[in-house]
C-alpha atoms as a PDB file:
ATOM      1  CA  MET A   1      24.135 212.883 -51.791  1.00  0.00           C
ATOM      2  CA  ALA A   2      21.673 210.413 -53.277  1.00  0.00           C
ATOM      3  CA  ILE A   3      21.490 207.082 -51.461  1.00  0.00           C
ATOM      4  CA  THR A   4      20.923 203.856 -53.365  1.00  0.00           C
ATOM      5  CA  THR A   5      18.297 201.747 -51.608  1.00  0.00           C
ATOM      6  CA  LEU A   6      16.888 198.309 -52.273  1.00  0.00           C
ATOM      7  CA  SER A   7      13.766 199.909 -53.724  1.00  0.00           C
ATOM      8  CA  ASN A   8      15.960 201.440 -56.429  1.00  0.00           C
ATOM      9  CA  LEU A   9      17.514 198.086 -57.276  1.00  0.00           C
ATOM     10  CA  VAL A  10      14.386 195.930 -57.008  1.00  0.00           C
ATOM     11  CA  ASN A  11      11.680 197.845 -58.884  1.00  0.00           C
ATOM     12  CA  PRO A  12       8.744 195.585 -59.838  1.00  0.00           C
ATOM     13  CA  GLU A  13       7.371 197.954 -62.493  1.00  0.00           C
ATOM     14  CA  VAL A  14      10.716 198.170 -64.274  1.00  0.00           C
ATOM     15  CA  MET A  15      11.267 194.415 -63.967  1.00  0.00           C
ATOM     16  CA  ALA A  16       7.811 193.693 -65.377  1.00  0.00           C
ATOM     17  CA  ASP A  17       8.552 195.753 -68.490  1.00  0.00           C
ATOM     18  CA  VAL A  18      11.930 194.096 -68.953  1.00  0.00           C
ATOM     19  CA  ILE A  19      10.538 190.588 -68.509  1.00  0.00           C
ATOM     20  CA  GLU A  20       7.647 191.211 -70.918  1.00  0.00           C
ATOM     21  CA  LYS A  21      10.066 192.419 -73.591  1.00  0.00           C
ATOM     22  CA  LYS A  22      12.432 189.513 -73.009  1.00  0.00           C
ATOM     23  CA  LEU A  23       9.565 187.029 -73.354  1.00  0.00           C
ATOM     24  CA  VAL A  24       9.176 187.973 -77.008  1.00  0.00           C
ATOM     25  CA  ASP A  25      12.726 186.819 -77.703  1.00  0.00           C
ATOM     26  CA  ALA A  26      12.774 183.915 -75.255  1.00  0.00           C
ATOM     27  CA  MET A  27       9.602 182.223 -76.520  1.00  0.00           C
ATOM     28  CA  LYS A  28      10.655 180.006 -79.392  1.00  0.00           C
ATOM     29  CA  PHE A  29       7.210 179.270 -80.839  1.00  0.00           C
ATOM     30  CA  ALA A  30       5.488 182.628 -80.220  1.00  0.00           C
ATOM     31  CA  PRO A  31       5.692 183.747 -83.894  1.00  0.00           C
ATOM     32  CA  LEU A  32       3.502 180.774 -84.833  1.00  0.00           C
ATOM     33  CA  ALA A  33       0.711 182.064 -82.592  1.00  0.00           C
ATOM     34  CA  VAL A  34      -1.622 185.024 -82.745  1.00  0.00           C
ATOM     35  CA  ILE A  35      -1.667 186.977 -79.474  1.00  0.00           C
ATOM     36  CA  ASP A  36      -5.237 187.792 -78.393  1.00  0.00           C
ATOM     37  CA  ASN A  37      -5.792 190.310 -75.580  1.00  0.00           C
ATOM     38  CA  THR A  38      -9.606 190.415 -75.752  1.00  0.00           C
ATOM     39  CA  LEU A  39      -9.879 188.535 -72.437  1.00  0.00           C
ATOM     40  CA  ALA A  40      -7.934 191.195 -70.546  1.00  0.00           C
ATOM     41  CA  GLU A  41     -10.965 193.386 -69.869  1.00  0.00           C
ATOM     42  CA  THR A  42     -13.573 190.656 -69.369  1.00  0.00           C
ATOM     43  CA  ALA A  43     -14.724 188.738 -66.303  1.00  0.00           C
ATOM     44  CA  GLY A  44     -14.292 185.012 -65.845  1.00  0.00           C
ATOM     45  CA  ASN A  45     -11.524 182.594 -66.748  1.00  0.00           C
ATOM     46  CA  THR A  46     -13.090 180.703 -69.669  1.00  0.00           C
ATOM     47  CA  ILE A  47     -13.891 181.586 -73.246  1.00  0.00           C
ATOM     48  CA  SER A  48     -16.038 179.661 -75.721  1.00  0.00           C
ATOM     49  CA  LEU A  49     -14.765 179.692 -79.287  1.00  0.00           C
ATOM     50  CA  PRO A  50     -16.902 178.731 -82.272  1.00  0.00           C
ATOM     51  CA  ALA A  51     -15.745 176.091 -84.753  1.00  0.00           C
ATOM     52  CA  PHE A  52     -17.893 176.432 -87.858  1.00  0.00           C
ATOM     53  CA  THR A  53     -18.717 173.509 -90.139  1.00  0.00           C
ATOM     54  CA  TYR A  54     -18.143 174.059 -93.857  1.00  0.00           C
ATOM     55  CA  ILE A  55     -21.478 174.383 -95.725  1.00  0.00           C
ATOM     56  CA  GLY A  56     -20.164 172.580 -98.790  1.00  0.00           C
ATOM     57  CA  ASP A  57     -19.412 173.655-102.349  1.00  0.00           C
ATOM     58  CA  ALA A  58     -21.894 175.707-104.350  1.00  0.00           C
ATOM     59  CA  SER A  59     -24.653 173.914-106.273  1.00  0.00           C
ATOM     60  CA  THR A  60     -25.338 174.030-110.002  1.00  0.00           C
ATOM     61  CA  LEU A  61     -28.884 175.260-110.686  1.00  0.00           C
ATOM     62  CA  SER A  62     -30.980 175.118-113.826  1.00  0.00           C
ATOM     63  CA  GLU A  63     -32.852 178.209-114.991  1.00  0.00           C
ATOM     64  CA  ALA A  64     -35.611 179.379-112.613  1.00  0.00           C
ATOM     65  CA  SER A  65     -34.919 176.594-110.133  1.00  0.00           C
ATOM     66  CA  ALA A  66     -34.919 177.468-106.449  1.00  0.00           C
ATOM     67  CA  LEU A  67     -31.850 177.292-104.241  1.00  0.00           C
ATOM     68  CA  THR A  68     -32.190 175.389-100.975  1.00  0.00           C
ATOM     69  CA  PRO A  69     -30.199 177.297 -98.347  1.00  0.00           C
ATOM     70  CA  ASP A  70     -27.882 175.454 -96.009  1.00  0.00           C
ATOM     71  CA  GLN A  71     -27.801 175.895 -92.274  1.00  0.00           C
ATOM     72  CA  LEU A  72     -24.601 177.260 -90.793  1.00  0.00           C
ATOM     73  CA  THR A  73     -23.661 175.158 -87.791  1.00  0.00           C
ATOM     74  CA  ALA A  74     -20.926 175.540 -85.242  1.00  0.00           C
ATOM     75  CA  SER A  75     -19.631 173.699 -82.231  1.00  0.00           C
ATOM     76  CA  ALA A  76     -18.051 175.453 -79.263  1.00  0.00           C
ATOM     77  CA  VAL A  77     -14.633 174.803 -77.787  1.00  0.00           C
ATOM     78  CA  THR A  78     -14.009 176.070 -74.269  1.00  0.00           C
ATOM     79  CA  VAL A  79     -10.570 177.339 -73.328  1.00  0.00           C
ATOM     80  CA  THR A  80      -9.691 177.816 -69.664  1.00  0.00           C
ATOM     81  CA  VAL A  81      -7.222 180.460 -68.558  1.00  0.00           C
ATOM     82  CA  HIS A  82      -4.658 179.444 -65.958  1.00  0.00           C
ATOM     83  CA  LYS A  83      -1.703 180.965 -64.141  1.00  0.00           C
ATOM     84  CA  ILE A  84       1.994 180.209 -64.382  1.00  0.00           C
ATOM     85  CA  ALA A  85       4.496 181.750 -61.992  1.00  0.00           C
ATOM     86  CA  LYS A  86       8.123 181.760 -60.895  1.00  0.00           C
ATOM     87  CA  GLY A  87       9.994 183.483 -58.106  1.00  0.00           C
ATOM     88  CA  VAL A  88      13.419 183.983 -56.544  1.00  0.00           C
ATOM     89  CA  GLU A  89      14.627 185.163 -53.152  1.00  0.00           C
ATOM     90  CA  LEU A  90      17.656 187.456 -52.845  1.00  0.00           C
ATOM     91  CA  SER A  91      19.452 188.473 -49.682  1.00  0.00           C
ATOM     92  CA  ASP A  92      20.437 192.082 -49.066  1.00  0.00           C
ATOM     93  CA  GLU A  93      24.069 191.080 -49.392  1.00  0.00           C
ATOM     94  CA  ALA A  94      23.456 189.503 -52.803  1.00  0.00           C
ATOM     95  CA  VAL A  95      21.621 192.554 -54.089  1.00  0.00           C
ATOM     96  CA  LEU A  96      24.011 195.190 -52.718  1.00  0.00           C
ATOM     97  CA  SER A  97      27.370 193.441 -52.888  1.00  0.00           C
ATOM     98  CA  GLY A  98      26.882 190.334 -54.980  1.00  0.00           C
ATOM     99  CA  TYR A  99      29.244 189.527 -57.812  1.00  0.00           C
ATOM    100  CA  GLY A 100      27.810 190.500 -61.180  1.00  0.00           C
ATOM    101  CA  ASP A 101      24.176 191.616 -61.353  1.00  0.00           C
ATOM    102  CA  PRO A 102      21.971 189.369 -59.191  1.00  0.00           C
ATOM    103  CA  VAL A 103      18.808 191.416 -59.837  1.00  0.00           C
ATOM    104  CA  GLY A 104      19.409 191.408 -63.590  1.00  0.00           C
ATOM    105  CA  GLU A 105      20.162 187.686 -63.523  1.00  0.00           C
ATOM    106  CA  ALA A 106      16.950 187.037 -61.583  1.00  0.00           C
ATOM    107  CA  THR A 107      15.018 189.058 -64.172  1.00  0.00           C
ATOM    108  CA  ASN A 108      16.560 187.112 -67.049  1.00  0.00           C
ATOM    109  CA  GLN A 109      15.935 183.735 -65.484  1.00  0.00           C
ATOM    110  CA  ILE A 110      12.335 184.514 -64.550  1.00  0.00           C
ATOM    111  CA  ALA A 111      11.667 185.615 -68.136  1.00  0.00           C
ATOM    112  CA  LEU A 112      13.307 182.455 -69.485  1.00  0.00           C
ATOM    113  CA  SER A 113      11.322 180.288 -67.078  1.00  0.00           C
ATOM    114  CA  ILE A 114       7.951 181.771 -68.047  1.00  0.00           C
ATOM    115  CA  ALA A 115       8.789 181.685 -71.755  1.00  0.00           C
ATOM    116  CA  SER A 116       9.844 178.053 -71.535  1.00  0.00           C
ATOM    117  CA  GLN A 117       6.575 177.086 -69.860  1.00  0.00           C
ATOM    118  CA  GLU A 118       4.565 178.925 -72.514  1.00  0.00           C
ATOM    119  CA  ASP A 119       6.479 176.961 -75.159  1.00  0.00           C
ATOM    120  CA  ASN A 120       5.710 173.755 -73.246  1.00  0.00           C
ATOM    121  CA  GLU A 121       2.011 174.533 -73.325  1.00  0.00           C
ATOM    122  CA  MET A 122       2.035 175.340 -77.029  1.00  0.00           C
ATOM    123  CA  LEU A 123       3.676 171.976 -77.680  1.00  0.00           C
ATOM    124  CA  SER A 124       1.051 170.318 -75.485  1.00  0.00           C
ATOM    125  CA  THR A 125      -1.624 171.983 -77.610  1.00  0.00           C
ATOM    126  CA  LEU A 126       0.009 170.619 -80.765  1.00  0.00           C
ATOM    127  CA  ALA A 127       0.211 167.167 -79.166  1.00  0.00           C
ATOM    128  CA  ASN A 128      -3.610 167.106 -79.130  1.00  0.00           C
ATOM    129  CA  ILE A 129      -3.892 167.472 -82.922  1.00  0.00           C
ATOM    130  CA  ALA A 130      -6.438 164.900 -84.052  1.00  0.00           C
ATOM    131  CA  LEU A 131      -7.310 163.155 -87.293  1.00  0.00           C
ATOM    132  CA  PRO A 132      -7.371 163.927 -90.156  1.00  0.00           C
ATOM    133  CA  MET A 133      -4.336 166.153 -89.493  1.00  0.00           C
ATOM    134  CA  THR A 134      -2.345 163.372 -87.830  1.00  0.00           C
ATOM    135  CA  LEU A 135      -0.027 161.008 -89.719  1.00  0.00           C
ATOM    136  CA  LEU A 136       0.376 157.710 -87.870  1.00  0.00           C
ATOM    137  CA  THR A 137       3.616 155.807 -88.432  1.00  0.00           C
ATOM    138  CA  ALA A 138       4.539 152.198 -87.676  1.00  0.00           C
ATOM    139  CA  SER A 139       7.689 153.254 -85.804  1.00  0.00           C
ATOM    140  CA  ASP A 140       9.073 156.436 -84.325  1.00  0.00           C
ATOM    141  CA  PRO A 141       8.592 159.174 -86.945  1.00  0.00           C
ATOM    142  CA  THR A 142      11.592 160.270 -88.965  1.00  0.00           C
ATOM    143  CA  ASP A 143      12.360 163.002 -91.472  1.00  0.00           C
ATOM    144  CA  THR A 144      11.256 160.701 -94.303  1.00  0.00           C
ATOM    145  CA  ASP A 145       7.658 160.886 -93.018  1.00  0.00           C
ATOM    146  CA  ILE A 146       7.455 164.644 -93.530  1.00  0.00           C
ATOM    147  CA  ALA A 147       6.755 164.463 -97.273  1.00  0.00           C
ATOM    148  CA  ASP A 148       3.795 162.119 -96.673  1.00  0.00           C
ATOM    149  CA  ALA A 149       2.463 164.334 -93.891  1.00  0.00           C
ATOM    150  CA  LEU A 150       2.522 167.465 -96.048  1.00  0.00           C
ATOM    151  CA  GLU A 151      -0.141 165.884 -98.243  1.00  0.00           C
ATOM    152  CA  LYS A 152      -2.627 166.631 -95.475  1.00  0.00           C
ATOM    153  CA  PHE A 153      -2.462 170.341 -96.317  1.00  0.00           C
ATOM    154  CA  GLY A 154      -3.947 169.481 -99.709  1.00  0.00           C
ATOM    155  CA  GLU A 155      -4.138 172.438-102.063  1.00  0.00           C
ATOM    156  CA  ASP A 156      -3.190 174.735 -99.169  1.00  0.00           C
ATOM    157  CA  ILE A 157       0.332 173.341 -99.027  1.00  0.00           C
ATOM    158  CA  ASP A 158       1.842 176.615-100.270  1.00  0.00           C
ATOM    159  CA  GLY A 159       3.024 179.298 -97.889  1.00  0.00           C
ATOM    160  CA  GLU A 160       5.324 179.390 -94.900  1.00  0.00           C
ATOM    161  CA  LYS A 161       5.556 176.206 -92.880  1.00  0.00           C
ATOM    162  CA  VAL A 162       7.679 175.359 -89.861  1.00  0.00           C
ATOM    163  CA  VAL A 163       8.598 171.804 -88.915  1.00  0.00           C
ATOM    164  CA  ILE A 164       9.528 171.291 -85.248  1.00  0.00           C
ATOM    165  CA  VAL A 165      11.830 168.304 -84.726  1.00  0.00           C
ATOM    166  CA  SER A 166      14.043 166.682 -82.122  1.00  0.00           C
ATOM    167  CA  PRO A 167      17.853 166.892 -82.361  1.00  0.00           C
ATOM    168  CA  ALA A 168      17.953 163.290 -83.620  1.00  0.00           C
ATOM    169  CA  VAL A 169      15.570 163.996 -86.506  1.00  0.00           C
ATOM    170  CA  TYR A 170      17.547 167.147 -87.305  1.00  0.00           C
ATOM    171  CA  THR A 171      20.678 165.026 -87.675  1.00  0.00           C
ATOM    172  CA  SER A 172      18.897 162.754 -90.157  1.00  0.00           C
ATOM    173  CA  MET A 173      17.740 165.774 -92.132  1.00  0.00           C
ATOM    174  CA  ARG A 174      21.268 167.114 -92.546  1.00  0.00           C
ATOM    175  CA  LYS A 175      22.431 163.751 -93.854  1.00  0.00           C
ATOM    176  CA  ASN A 176      19.766 163.837 -96.575  1.00  0.00           C
ATOM    177  CA  THR A 177      21.673 166.246 -98.790  1.00  0.00           C
ATOM    178  CA  ASN A 178      19.085 166.021-101.582  1.00  0.00           C
ATOM    179  CA  GLN A 179      16.450 167.732 -99.432  1.00  0.00           C
ATOM    180  CA  TRP A 180      18.430 169.667 -96.833  1.00  0.00           C
ATOM    181  CA  VAL A 181      19.020 173.412 -97.339  1.00  0.00           C
ATOM    182  CA  PRO A 182      21.260 175.021 -94.666  1.00  0.00           C
ATOM    183  CA  ALA A 183      20.222 178.291 -93.037  1.00  0.00           C
ATOM    184  CA  SER A 184      23.078 180.120 -94.759  1.00  0.00           C
ATOM    185  CA  GLU A 185      21.347 179.565 -98.102  1.00  0.00           C
ATOM    186  CA  LEU A 186      17.901 180.764 -96.996  1.00  0.00           C
ATOM    187  CA  SER A 187      16.502 184.240 -97.553  1.00  0.00           C
ATOM    188  CA  ALA A 188      16.444 186.747 -94.716  1.00  0.00           C
ATOM    189  CA  GLU A 189      12.651 186.426 -94.318  1.00  0.00           C
ATOM    190  CA  ARG A 190      11.812 183.564 -91.992  1.00  0.00           C
ATOM    191  CA  ALA A 191       8.603 182.616 -90.213  1.00  0.00           C
ATOM    192  CA  ILE A 192      10.277 182.164 -86.847  1.00  0.00           C
ATOM    193  CA  LYS A 193      13.537 182.920 -85.092  1.00  0.00           C
ATOM    194  CA  GLY A 194      15.994 180.062 -84.711  1.00  0.00           C
ATOM    195  CA  VAL A 195      15.461 178.450 -88.113  1.00  0.00           C
ATOM    196  CA  VAL A 196      18.434 176.147 -88.798  1.00  0.00           C
ATOM    197  CA  GLY A 197      17.585 175.213 -92.370  1.00  0.00           C
ATOM    198  CA  GLU A 198      14.868 174.048 -94.729  1.00  0.00           C
ATOM    199  CA  TYR A 199      13.597 170.546 -95.460  1.00  0.00           C
ATOM    200  CA  GLN A 200      10.833 169.516 -97.872  1.00  0.00           C
ATOM    201  CA  GLY A 201       9.875 173.194 -98.179  1.00  0.00           C
ATOM    202  CA  CYS A 202       9.544 173.623 -94.403  1.00  0.00           C
ATOM    203  CA  GLN A 203      11.649 175.885 -92.228  1.00  0.00           C
ATOM    204  CA  VAL A 204      13.258 173.719 -89.546  1.00  0.00           C
ATOM    205  CA  ILE A 205      13.254 174.412 -85.806  1.00  0.00           C
ATOM    206  CA  VAL A 206      15.073 172.074 -83.427  1.00  0.00           C
ATOM    207  CA  SER A 207      13.688 171.698 -79.910  1.00  0.00           C
ATOM    208  CA  ASN A 208      15.185 169.776 -76.997  1.00  0.00           C
ATOM    209  CA  LYS A 209      11.639 169.587 -75.650  1.00  0.00           C
ATOM    210  CA  LEU A 210      10.900 166.902 -78.260  1.00  0.00           C
ATOM    211  CA  LYS A 211      13.613 164.523 -77.066  1.00  0.00           C
ATOM    212  CA  THR A 212      11.063 162.323 -75.323  1.00  0.00           C
ATOM    213  CA  SER A 213       7.835 163.147 -77.190  1.00  0.00           C
ATOM    214  CA  LYS A 214       8.484 161.033 -80.328  1.00  0.00           C
ATOM    215  CA  ASN A 215       6.473 163.561 -82.345  1.00  0.00           C
ATOM    216  CA  ILE A 216       7.139 165.861 -85.284  1.00  0.00           C
ATOM    217  CA  TYR A 217       4.973 168.939 -85.854  1.00  0.00           C
ATOM    218  CA  ILE A 218       4.436 170.911 -89.056  1.00  0.00           C
ATOM    219  CA  VAL A 219       2.848 174.265 -88.297  1.00  0.00           C
ATOM    220  CA  LYS A 220       1.794 177.263 -90.354  1.00  0.00           C
ATOM    221  CA  PRO A 221       1.830 180.720 -88.748  1.00  0.00           C
ATOM    222  CA  GLY A 222      -1.554 181.522 -87.217  1.00  0.00           C
ATOM    223  CA  ALA A 223      -2.386 177.922 -86.330  1.00  0.00           C
ATOM    224  CA  LEU A 224      -2.048 178.672 -82.618  1.00  0.00           C
ATOM    225  CA  ARG A 225      -3.549 181.426 -80.546  1.00  0.00           C
ATOM    226  CA  ILE A 226      -2.514 182.685 -77.117  1.00  0.00           C
ATOM    227  CA  PHE A 227      -5.264 184.326 -75.078  1.00  0.00           C
ATOM    228  CA  ILE A 228      -3.860 186.759 -72.511  1.00  0.00           C
ATOM    229  CA  LYS A 229      -5.997 187.373 -69.440  1.00  0.00           C
ATOM    230  CA  ARG A 230      -3.251 189.265 -67.648  1.00  0.00           C
ATOM    231  CA  GLY A 231       0.260 189.923 -68.861  1.00  0.00           C
ATOM    232  CA  THR A 232       3.364 189.428 -66.783  1.00  0.00           C
ATOM    233  CA  LEU A 233       2.887 190.815 -63.270  1.00  0.00           C
ATOM    234  CA  VAL A 234       5.989 191.246 -61.103  1.00  0.00           C
ATOM    235  CA  GLU A 235       5.559 191.565 -57.341  1.00  0.00           C
ATOM    236  CA  THR A 236       8.061 191.952 -54.533  1.00  0.00           C
ATOM    237  CA  ASP A 237       7.913 191.343 -50.815  1.00  0.00           C
ATOM    238  CA  ARG A 238      10.422 191.730 -48.033  1.00  0.00           C
ATOM    239  CA  ASP A 239      11.139 189.316 -45.221  1.00  0.00           C
ATOM    240  CA  ILE A 240      12.204 191.619 -42.392  1.00  0.00           C
ATOM    241  CA  LEU A 241      13.415 188.711 -40.238  1.00  0.00           C
ATOM    242  CA  LYS A 242      15.748 187.199 -42.853  1.00  0.00           C
ATOM    243  CA  PHE A 243      16.481 190.498 -44.617  1.00  0.00           C
ATOM    244  CA  THR A 244      15.677 189.020 -48.002  1.00  0.00           C
ATOM    245  CA  ASN A 245      13.672 190.176 -50.993  1.00  0.00           C
ATOM    246  CA  VAL A 246      11.245 187.847 -52.746  1.00  0.00           C
ATOM    247  CA  ILE A 247      10.573 188.582 -56.420  1.00  0.00           C
ATOM    248  CA  THR A 248       7.782 186.754 -58.225  1.00  0.00           C
ATOM    249  CA  ALA A 249       6.310 186.949 -61.699  1.00  0.00           C
ATOM    250  CA  SER A 250       3.021 185.497 -62.881  1.00  0.00           C
ATOM    251  CA  LYS A 251       0.997 185.380 -66.076  1.00  0.00           C
ATOM    252  CA  HIS A 252      -2.586 184.336 -66.810  1.00  0.00           C
ATOM    253  CA  PHE A 253      -3.153 182.927 -70.290  1.00  0.00           C
ATOM    254  CA  ALA A 254      -4.417 180.017 -72.380  1.00  0.00           C
ATOM    255  CA  THR A 255      -3.190 178.409 -75.591  1.00  0.00           C
ATOM    256  CA  TYR A 256      -5.528 177.089 -78.259  1.00  0.00           C
ATOM    257  CA  LEU A 257      -5.288 175.406 -81.651  1.00  0.00           C
ATOM    258  CA  TYR A 258      -7.158 178.154 -83.454  1.00  0.00           C
ATOM    259  CA  ASP A 259      -6.959 176.743 -86.996  1.00  0.00           C
ATOM    260  CA  PRO A 260      -6.589 172.929 -87.043  1.00  0.00           C
ATOM    261  CA  SER A 261      -6.114 172.978 -90.824  1.00  0.00           C
ATOM    262  CA  LYS A 262      -2.745 174.694 -90.340  1.00  0.00           C
ATOM    263  CA  ALA A 263      -1.050 172.104 -88.134  1.00  0.00           C
ATOM    264  CA  ILE A 264       0.006 168.471 -88.657  1.00  0.00           C
ATOM    265  CA  LYS A 265       1.272 165.949 -86.127  1.00  0.00           C
ATOM    266  CA  ILE A 266       3.435 162.959 -87.093  1.00  0.00           C
ATOM    267  CA  THR A 267       3.424 160.310 -84.378  1.00  0.00           C
ATOM    268  CA  LYS A 268       3.903 156.589 -83.831  1.00  0.00           C
ATOM    269  CA  GLN A 269       0.691 154.571 -83.847  1.00  0.00           C
ATOM    270  CA  SER A 270       0.076 153.235 -80.356  1.00  0.00           C
END
């Protein structure tokens, strides 16, 4: 007769696959970012990314006149990879006889924890948006500032856009019935999961993480990039004195504002 052992219940390879798949659903802002795995096979924990300067519009030339070529210049932005991690400790009794599914619950919560931190770091990246893609307001930004901020996209205003707001700003949006379009009236195609409606042509995402930030972000897909050095790694260890099983998960990555022209920050002028 087959015997169920702890190694059957706590399998790091299986848990790693489950957590990685759950991260896709748990990360709220992941669809706004391009996932880049080019760092996975390279040494070192930093990457230098070029930011090219526009050479200007074409010149009008008279017949037989010579064109003076422009020099293509670029500055470098360095992104540093770092590690995030979370772990739980389960007793033998919890694993073998615990109510419900302690191992499955640990897997779910670890995935949620890592996903939430990745979202935090993407918001931190957006918080560093600089001029000219920042709209400064005299007071805490509200939904009425969104129309003014959209002007910063210029002629590139078309296309999918997501506005990330706090619950309080979301409430103001819904009260503005002239601009608010509920999710039930939107098409099935949406830039990101969790869209609750549309406002000023932007798909709306509500985030509790913005309760204290006083910022509003308008983001086009592809503005952010996530560089993966190593995907989710699950490891287990056993404490033979306490008869417990430690399960940890870690991930090495970096977030980066890849295309500053695709993201706007609305914030109170300090």
